[in-house]
C-alpha atoms as a PDB file:
ATOM      1  CA  UNK A   1     116.802 147.050  98.320  1.00  0.00           C
ATOM      2  CA  UNK A   2     117.290 147.290  94.741  1.00  0.00           C
ATOM      3  CA  UNK A   3     116.728 150.376  92.321  1.00  0.00           C
ATOM      4  CA  UNK A   4     113.229 150.699  91.220  1.00  0.00           C
ATOM      5  CA  UNK A   5     112.877 149.907  87.755  1.00  0.00           C
ATOM      6  CA  UNK A   6     109.012 149.639  87.560  1.00  0.00           C
ATOM      7  CA  UNK A   7     106.525 151.915  85.890  1.00  0.00           C
ATOM      8  CA  UNK A   8     107.321 155.670  86.820  1.00  0.00           C
ATOM      9  CA  UNK A   9     103.575 156.681  86.547  1.00  0.00           C
ATOM     10  CA  UNK A  10     102.539 154.219  88.920  1.00  0.00           C
ATOM     11  CA  UNK A  11     105.342 155.586  91.259  1.00  0.00           C
ATOM     12  CA  UNK A  12     104.432 159.392  91.044  1.00  0.00           C
ATOM     13  CA  UNK A  13     100.742 158.768  91.770  1.00  0.00           C
ATOM     14  CA  UNK A  14     101.539 156.686  94.837  1.00  0.00           C
ATOM     15  CA  UNK A  15     103.981 159.687  96.049  1.00  0.00           C
ATOM     16  CA  UNK A  16     101.904 162.314  94.540  1.00  0.00           C
ATOM     17  CA  UNK A  17     105.118 163.568  93.052  1.00  0.00           C
ATOM     18  CA  UNK A  18     106.081 163.826  89.436  1.00  0.00           C
ATOM     19  CA  UNK A  19     109.449 161.818  89.041  1.00  0.00           C
ATOM     20  CA  UNK A  20     109.788 162.742  85.712  1.00  0.00           C
ATOM     21  CA  UNK A  21     109.653 166.351  86.907  1.00  0.00           C
ATOM     22  CA  UNK A  22     106.937 166.904  83.905  1.00  0.00           C
ATOM     23  CA  UNK A  23     103.634 166.496  85.739  1.00  0.00           C
ATOM     24  CA  UNK A  24     102.352 164.347  83.033  1.00  0.00           C
ATOM     25  CA  UNK A  25     101.901 161.212  85.228  1.00  0.00           C
ATOM     26  CA  UNK A  26      99.426 163.297  87.475  1.00  0.00           C
ATOM     27  CA  UNK A  27      97.302 165.024  84.794  1.00  0.00           C
ATOM     28  CA  UNK A  28      95.507 161.983  83.671  1.00  0.00           C
ATOM     29  CA  UNK A  29      94.884 160.059  87.076  1.00  0.00           C
ATOM     30  CA  UNK A  30      95.577 162.048  90.066  1.00  0.00           C
ATOM     31  CA  UNK A  31      94.569 159.212  92.554  1.00  0.00           C
ATOM     32  CA  UNK A  32      96.893 156.755  94.093  1.00  0.00           C
ATOM     33  CA  UNK A  33      97.119 153.228  92.303  1.00  0.00           C
ATOM     34  CA  UNK A  34      94.644 150.657  92.876  1.00  0.00           C
ATOM     35  CA  UNK A  35      90.843 150.353  92.429  1.00  0.00           C
ATOM     36  CA  UNK A  36      90.120 151.983  95.693  1.00  0.00           C
ATOM     37  CA  UNK A  37      92.742 154.869  95.481  1.00  0.00           C
ATOM     38  CA  UNK A  38      90.393 157.570  96.152  1.00  0.00           C
ATOM     39  CA  UNK A  39      88.962 155.666  99.589  1.00  0.00           C
ATOM     40  CA  UNK A  40      92.485 155.053 100.549  1.00  0.00           C
ATOM     41  CA  UNK A  41      93.918 158.826 101.200  1.00  0.00           C
ATOM     42  CA  UNK A  42      95.168 158.641 105.018  1.00  0.00           C
ATOM     43  CA  UNK A  43      96.855 160.971 107.146  1.00  0.00           C
ATOM     44  CA  UNK A  44     100.898 160.113 107.274  1.00  0.00           C
ATOM     45  CA  UNK A  45     102.874 159.871 110.569  1.00  0.00           C
ATOM     46  CA  UNK A  46     105.921 162.273 110.759  1.00  0.00           C
ATOM     47  CA  UNK A  47     107.753 159.096 110.128  1.00  0.00           C
ATOM     48  CA  UNK A  48     105.915 158.668 107.087  1.00  0.00           C
ATOM     49  CA  UNK A  49     106.405 162.059 105.688  1.00  0.00           C
ATOM     50  CA  UNK A  50     109.878 161.735 106.136  1.00  0.00           C
ATOM     51  CA  UNK A  51     109.997 158.468 104.374  1.00  0.00           C
ATOM     52  CA  UNK A  52     108.158 159.602 101.480  1.00  0.00           C
ATOM     53  CA  UNK A  53     110.355 162.686 100.769  1.00  0.00           C
ATOM     54  CA  UNK A  54     113.155 160.487 100.736  1.00  0.00           C
ATOM     55  CA  UNK A  55     111.266 158.016  98.423  1.00  0.00           C
ATOM     56  CA  UNK A  56     110.535 161.050  96.296  1.00  0.00           C
ATOM     57  CA  UNK A  57     114.255 162.328  95.671  1.00  0.00           C
ATOM     58  CA  UNK A  58     115.326 158.583  95.441  1.00  0.00           C
ATOM     59  CA  UNK A  59     113.332 157.175  92.703  1.00  0.00           C
ATOM     60  CA  UNK A  60     113.693 160.892  90.767  1.00  0.00           C
ATOM     61  CA  UNK A  61     117.145 160.344  90.484  1.00  0.00           C
ATOM     62  CA  UNK A  62     116.916 156.505  90.134  1.00  0.00           C
ATOM     63  CA  UNK A  63     119.317 155.450  92.801  1.00  0.00           C
ATOM     64  CA  UNK A  64     118.837 152.533  95.477  1.00  0.00           C
ATOM     65  CA  UNK A  65     118.746 152.814  99.042  1.00  0.00           C
ATOM     66  CA  UNK A  66     122.529 151.756  99.577  1.00  0.00           C
ATOM     67  CA  UNK A  67     123.874 154.278  96.886  1.00  0.00           C
ATOM     68  CA  UNK A  68     121.470 157.339  98.384  1.00  0.00           C
ATOM     69  CA  UNK A  69     122.565 156.798 101.517  1.00  0.00           C
ATOM     70  CA  UNK A  70     126.080 156.740 100.544  1.00  0.00           C
ATOM     71  CA  UNK A  71     125.469 160.437  98.610  1.00  0.00           C
ATOM     72  CA  UNK A  72     123.790 161.532 102.190  1.00  0.00           C
ATOM     73  CA  UNK A  73     127.109 160.167 104.147  1.00  0.00           C
ATOM     74  CA  UNK A  74     129.133 162.364 101.497  1.00  0.00           C
ATOM     75  CA  UNK A  75     126.985 165.224 101.448  1.00  0.00           C
ATOM     76  CA  UNK A  76     127.476 165.072 105.563  1.00  0.00           C
ATOM     77  CA  UNK A  77     130.953 165.842 105.372  1.00  0.00           C
ATOM     78  CA  UNK A  78     130.919 168.989 103.011  1.00  0.00           C
ATOM     79  CA  UNK A  79     130.563 172.357 103.830  1.00  0.00           C
ATOM     80  CA  UNK A  80     127.039 174.136 104.013  1.00  0.00           C
ATOM     81  CA  UNK A  81     123.681 173.085 104.595  1.00  0.00           C
ATOM     82  CA  UNK A  82     123.378 168.908 104.277  1.00  0.00           C
ATOM     83  CA  UNK A  83     120.088 168.616 102.244  1.00  0.00           C
ATOM     84  CA  UNK A  84     120.974 171.115  99.675  1.00  0.00           C
ATOM     85  CA  UNK A  85     124.588 169.527  99.443  1.00  0.00           C
ATOM     86  CA  UNK A  86     122.856 166.328  98.919  1.00  0.00           C
ATOM     87  CA  UNK A  87     120.534 167.766  96.070  1.00  0.00           C
ATOM     88  CA  UNK A  88     123.958 169.270  94.397  1.00  0.00           C
ATOM     89  CA  UNK A  89     125.660 165.919  94.540  1.00  0.00           C
ATOM     90  CA  UNK A  90     122.773 164.353  92.961  1.00  0.00           C
ATOM     91  CA  UNK A  91     122.712 166.715  90.377  1.00  0.00           C
ATOM     92  CA  UNK A  92     126.425 166.511  89.630  1.00  0.00           C
ATOM     93  CA  UNK A  93     125.981 162.461  88.868  1.00  0.00           C
ATOM     94  CA  UNK A  94     126.722 162.073  85.150  1.00  0.00           C
ATOM     95  CA  UNK A  95     123.815 160.228  83.944  1.00  0.00           C
ATOM     96  CA  UNK A  96     121.766 163.687  85.651  1.00  0.00           C
ATOM     97  CA  UNK A  97     123.988 165.820  83.606  1.00  0.00           C
ATOM     98  CA  UNK A  98     123.819 163.983  80.459  1.00  0.00           C
ATOM     99  CA  UNK A  99     119.698 164.237  80.947  1.00  0.00           C
ATOM    100  CA  UNK A 100     119.950 168.027  81.720  1.00  0.00           C
ATOM    101  CA  UNK A 101     121.861 168.476  78.576  1.00  0.00           C
ATOM    102  CA  UNK A 102     119.338 166.917  76.307  1.00  0.00           C
ATOM    103  CA  UNK A 103     120.866 163.953  75.386  1.00  0.00           C
ATOM    104  CA  UNK A 104     118.198 161.823  76.548  1.00  0.00           C
ATOM    105  CA  UNK A 105     114.497 162.694  77.720  1.00  0.00           C
ATOM    106  CA  UNK A 106     114.565 160.803  80.896  1.00  0.00           C
ATOM    107  CA  UNK A 107     117.190 160.142  83.436  1.00  0.00           C
ATOM    108  CA  UNK A 108     116.487 156.435  82.895  1.00  0.00           C
ATOM    109  CA  UNK A 109     117.324 157.047  78.914  1.00  0.00           C
ATOM    110  CA  UNK A 110     120.753 158.877  80.118  1.00  0.00           C
ATOM    111  CA  UNK A 111     121.512 156.212  82.433  1.00  0.00           C
ATOM    112  CA  UNK A 112     121.640 153.683  79.326  1.00  0.00           C
ATOM    113  CA  UNK A 113     123.531 155.918  77.198  1.00  0.00           C
ATOM    114  CA  UNK A 114     126.240 156.046  79.788  1.00  0.00           C
ATOM    115  CA  UNK A 115     125.970 152.367  80.483  1.00  0.00           C
ATOM    116  CA  UNK A 116     126.530 151.821  76.805  1.00  0.00           C
ATOM    117  CA  UNK A 117     129.618 153.795  76.709  1.00  0.00           C
ATOM    118  CA  UNK A 118     128.119 156.438  74.352  1.00  0.00           C
ATOM    119  CA  UNK A 119     129.181 159.544  76.684  1.00  0.00           C
ATOM    120  CA  UNK A 120     132.565 161.245  77.370  1.00  0.00           C
ATOM    121  CA  UNK A 121     133.908 163.370  80.035  1.00  0.00           C
ATOM    122  CA  UNK A 122     136.456 165.641  79.099  1.00  0.00           C
ATOM    123  CA  UNK A 123     137.138 163.480  76.089  1.00  0.00           C
ATOM    124  CA  UNK A 124     137.488 160.084  78.123  1.00  0.00           C
ATOM    125  CA  UNK A 125     134.782 157.667  77.808  1.00  0.00           C
ATOM    126  CA  UNK A 126     133.076 157.334  80.967  1.00  0.00           C
ATOM    127  CA  UNK A 127     130.400 154.077  81.691  1.00  0.00           C
ATOM    128  CA  UNK A 128     129.638 154.918  85.282  1.00  0.00           C
ATOM    129  CA  UNK A 129     126.309 156.752  85.805  1.00  0.00           C
ATOM    130  CA  UNK A 130     127.011 157.626  89.162  1.00  0.00           C
ATOM    131  CA  UNK A 131     130.527 159.243  88.297  1.00  0.00           C
ATOM    132  CA  UNK A 132     130.639 162.616  90.258  1.00  0.00           C
ATOM    133  CA  UNK A 133     131.255 165.551  87.516  1.00  0.00           C
ATOM    134  CA  UNK A 134     132.926 168.659  88.713  1.00  0.00           C
ATOM    135  CA  UNK A 135     132.264 172.318  87.402  1.00  0.00           C
ATOM    136  CA  UNK A 136     134.204 172.874  84.315  1.00  0.00           C
ATOM    137  CA  UNK A 137     133.997 169.257  83.228  1.00  0.00           C
ATOM    138  CA  UNK A 138     132.942 168.788  79.532  1.00  0.00           C
ATOM    139  CA  UNK A 139     130.465 166.061  79.079  1.00  0.00           C
ATOM    140  CA  UNK A 140     129.486 165.195  75.517  1.00  0.00           C
ATOM    141  CA  UNK A 141     128.245 162.048  72.813  1.00  0.00           C
ATOM    142  CA  UNK A 142     131.252 160.018  71.983  1.00  0.00           C
ATOM    143  CA  UNK A 143     132.618 161.245  68.210  1.00  0.00           C
ATOM    144  CA  UNK A 144     131.657 157.760  66.867  1.00  0.00           C
ATOM    145  CA  UNK A 145     127.723 157.896  68.399  1.00  0.00           C
ATOM    146  CA  UNK A 146     127.007 161.447  67.069  1.00  0.00           C
ATOM    147  CA  UNK A 147     124.727 160.098  64.673  1.00  0.00           C
ATOM    148  CA  UNK A 148     122.585 158.155  67.102  1.00  0.00           C
ATOM    149  CA  UNK A 149     118.817 158.829  66.357  1.00  0.00           C
ATOM    150  CA  UNK A 150     117.698 158.513  69.775  1.00  0.00           C
ATOM    151  CA  UNK A 151     120.207 161.298  70.996  1.00  0.00           C
ATOM    152  CA  UNK A 152     119.234 163.476  68.041  1.00  0.00           C
ATOM    153  CA  UNK A 153     115.755 163.220  68.666  1.00  0.00           C
ATOM    154  CA  UNK A 154     116.080 164.062  72.341  1.00  0.00           C
ATOM    155  CA  UNK A 155     117.738 167.097  71.672  1.00  0.00           C
ATOM    156  CA  UNK A 156     115.211 168.256  69.131  1.00  0.00           C
ATOM    157  CA  UNK A 157     112.766 167.683  71.871  1.00  0.00           C
ATOM    158  CA  UNK A 158     114.747 169.817  74.417  1.00  0.00           C
ATOM    159  CA  UNK A 159     112.794 173.289  75.009  1.00  0.00           C
ATOM    160  CA  UNK A 160     114.818 174.829  77.925  1.00  0.00           C
ATOM    161  CA  UNK A 161     118.079 173.951  80.104  1.00  0.00           C
ATOM    162  CA  UNK A 162     118.998 174.675  83.354  1.00  0.00           C
ATOM    163  CA  UNK A 163     121.122 177.523  83.804  1.00  0.00           C
ATOM    164  CA  UNK A 164     124.091 175.656  85.547  1.00  0.00           C
ATOM    165  CA  UNK A 165     125.038 174.010  82.295  1.00  0.00           C
ATOM    166  CA  UNK A 166     125.870 175.096  78.933  1.00  0.00           C
ATOM    167  CA  UNK A 167     125.418 173.433  75.688  1.00  0.00           C
ATOM    168  CA  UNK A 168     127.425 173.829  72.067  1.00  0.00           C
ATOM    169  CA  UNK A 169     125.099 172.114  69.510  1.00  0.00           C
ATOM    170  CA  UNK A 170     127.761 172.113  66.757  1.00  0.00           C
ATOM    171  CA  UNK A 171     130.037 170.249  68.830  1.00  0.00           C
ATOM    172  CA  UNK A 172     127.138 168.050  70.675  1.00  0.00           C
ATOM    173  CA  UNK A 173     128.832 168.845  74.025  1.00  0.00           C
ATOM    174  CA  UNK A 174     127.658 170.409  77.276  1.00  0.00           C
ATOM    175  CA  UNK A 175     129.846 172.358  80.209  1.00  0.00           C
ATOM    176  CA  UNK A 176     128.580 171.630  83.722  1.00  0.00           C
ATOM    177  CA  UNK A 177     129.430 175.644  84.697  1.00  0.00           C
ATOM    178  CA  UNK A 178     128.862 175.448  88.680  1.00  0.00           C
ATOM    179  CA  UNK A 179     126.790 173.616  91.409  1.00  0.00           C
ATOM    180  CA  UNK A 180     123.379 174.679  91.117  1.00  0.00           C
ATOM    181  CA  UNK A 181     121.320 177.142  93.166  1.00  0.00           C
ATOM    182  CA  UNK A 182     118.645 175.588  95.443  1.00  0.00           C
ATOM    183  CA  UNK A 183     116.318 178.012  93.778  1.00  0.00           C
ATOM    184  CA  UNK A 184     117.023 176.349  90.470  1.00  0.00           C
ATOM    185  CA  UNK A 185     116.218 172.718  91.785  1.00  0.00           C
ATOM    186  CA  UNK A 186     112.643 171.229  92.592  1.00  0.00           C
ATOM    187  CA  UNK A 187     110.673 173.405  94.733  1.00  0.00           C
ATOM    188  CA  UNK A 188     108.210 170.541  95.642  1.00  0.00           C
ATOM    189  CA  UNK A 189     111.311 169.028  97.578  1.00  0.00           C
ATOM    190  CA  UNK A 190     111.719 169.444 101.161  1.00  0.00           C
ATOM    191  CA  UNK A 191     115.298 168.067 101.676  1.00  0.00           C
ATOM    192  CA  UNK A 192     115.396 168.959 105.114  1.00  0.00           C
ATOM    193  CA  UNK A 193     113.089 165.992 106.204  1.00  0.00           C
ATOM    194  CA  UNK A 194     115.594 163.435 104.262  1.00  0.00           C
ATOM    195  CA  UNK A 195     118.140 165.021 107.017  1.00  0.00           C
ATOM    196  CA  UNK A 196     115.635 164.076 109.603  1.00  0.00           C
ATOM    197  CA  UNK A 197     114.570 160.806 108.324  1.00  0.00           C
ATOM    198  CA  UNK A 198     118.206 159.763 108.442  1.00  0.00           C
ATOM    199  CA  UNK A 199     118.849 161.717 111.636  1.00  0.00           C
ATOM    200  CA  UNK A 200     116.373 160.101 113.538  1.00  0.00           C
END
């Protein structure tokens, strides 16, 4: 299955979950898409609930099914809770950290910045969005691209960063300080349902 590139708002309404983590998608039209959205509310089976939870996280981080399963399997080989390890690995992706630092207003925008070679990790250009960063890595905008208007606008719009990253405005660089705690991540996600889905 290919990575979803359609409208985020429509997908958020379908899942009743804010993929952009802003909540704006569900404010104006809380019902599922379609002419008869209000009338098509149906109870999901256990499998449907598990699938929906997996889809929430997959669409939020912008992965296709094959990529997501690969991260899930990798998380299973780590020490600790499988579901929490999955979220930690997803948060450690370069495109996600580029978004968390405020270089882009969405993960899609962050992925594009990385793809186009505007981002460096520890001083070296990395153009692979799925690159897994480690605590202590320094993520920055390439020296020649620091005047990009889209980056400046995103940084100006940034209100509050998560606690597991730090940012130096003068250097336009941020550090991935540590792996996130579960309490610092989206509380609407039930990662145990994702583990149940793949282990069924």
